[in-house]
């Protein structure tokens, strides 16, 4: 059964204190390729690599079921600066 955007968002929200989450199905609806933007205070003081490893570990079961997964991880301060 394919992973849905709602499944990914629920898993992220359950695992991290998030200020903002965007999950985009980039596979035209088949659920095989996702891009996510996660804004969380849990990323404070961590390198991009450490943040991505954290998310990959939290979503290990979901990522194993899809073809492609890209992520952007920001702190609330970084997100505010980009907007």
Protein backbone atom coordinates (compact mmCIF):
# COMPACT_ATOMS: atom_id res chain seq x y z
CA UNK A 1 0.00 0.00 0.00
CA UNK A 2 1.50 3.37 -0.96
CA UNK A 3 2.39 5.95 1.63
CA UNK A 4 0.14 9.01 1.54
CA UNK A 5 1.09 12.62 2.19
CA UNK A 6 -1.22 12.51 5.23
CA UNK A 7 0.65 9.45 6.57
CA UNK A 8 3.99 11.24 6.27
CA UNK A 9 2.67 14.42 7.87
CA UNK A 10 1.12 12.48 10.76
CA UNK A 11 4.36 10.60 11.39
CA UNK A 12 6.37 13.84 11.37
CA UNK A 13 3.96 15.60 13.72
CA UNK A 14 3.95 12.62 16.09
CA UNK A 15 7.75 12.53 16.27
CA UNK A 16 8.78 16.20 16.32
CA UNK A 17 7.53 19.48 17.76
CA UNK A 18 6.82 21.18 14.45
CA UNK A 19 6.02 24.80 13.72
CA UNK A 20 5.30 24.10 10.05
CA UNK A 21 5.16 21.04 7.77
CA UNK A 22 4.63 20.81 4.03
CA UNK A 23 4.43 17.44 2.29
CA UNK A 24 4.31 17.49 -1.51
CA UNK A 25 3.59 14.40 -3.61
CA UNK A 26 5.86 14.93 -6.61
CA UNK A 27 4.78 11.69 -8.28
CA UNK A 28 1.48 12.90 -9.74
CA UNK A 29 -0.53 11.19 -7.02
CA UNK A 30 0.89 7.67 -7.00
CA UNK A 31 2.65 8.21 -3.66
CA UNK A 32 6.10 7.21 -4.83
CA UNK A 33 8.02 10.49 -4.59
CA UNK A 34 7.72 13.03 -1.78
CA UNK A 35 9.31 16.32 -0.86
CA UNK A 36 8.93 17.69 2.66
CA UNK A 37 9.65 20.96 4.41
CA UNK A 38 9.87 20.61 8.18
CA UNK A 39 10.27 23.57 10.54
CA UNK A 40 11.07 22.54 14.09
CA UNK A 41 12.85 23.84 17.15
CA UNK A 42 14.31 20.32 17.48
CA UNK A 43 16.75 21.28 14.70
CA UNK A 44 18.36 24.10 16.72
CA UNK A 45 22.12 23.63 16.96
CA UNK A 46 22.20 20.68 14.55
CA UNK A 47 23.91 20.55 11.18
CA UNK A 48 21.87 19.89 8.06
CA UNK A 49 23.26 16.36 7.93
CA UNK A 50 22.27 15.68 11.55
CA UNK A 51 18.77 17.03 10.88
CA UNK A 52 18.33 14.84 7.81
CA UNK A 53 19.60 11.77 9.63
CA UNK A 54 17.11 12.48 12.43
CA UNK A 55 14.20 12.71 9.99
CA UNK A 56 15.36 9.65 8.04
CA UNK A 57 15.43 7.62 11.25
CA UNK A 58 12.00 8.87 12.34
CA UNK A 59 10.48 8.04 8.95
CA UNK A 60 12.46 4.87 8.27
CA UNK A 61 9.37 2.68 7.74
CA UNK A 62 7.68 5.16 5.40
CA UNK A 63 10.82 5.96 3.38
CA UNK A 64 11.39 2.23 2.78
CA UNK A 65 8.05 2.09 0.94
CA UNK A 66 8.63 4.98 -1.48
CA UNK A 67 10.97 5.56 -4.41
CA UNK A 68 12.25 9.07 -3.67
CA UNK A 69 12.27 11.34 -0.62
CA UNK A 70 13.74 14.82 -0.35
CA UNK A 71 13.67 17.05 2.66
CA UNK A 72 14.37 20.59 3.74
CA UNK A 73 14.76 21.08 7.49
CA UNK A 74 14.74 24.52 9.07
CA UNK A 75 14.59 26.05 12.51
CA UNK A 76 11.73 28.52 13.10
CA UNK A 77 14.25 31.37 12.93
CA UNK A 78 15.61 30.20 9.58
CA UNK A 79 12.09 29.76 8.22
CA UNK A 80 11.11 33.28 9.27
CA UNK A 81 14.23 34.69 7.62
CA UNK A 82 13.42 32.93 4.34
CA UNK A 83 9.85 34.22 4.20
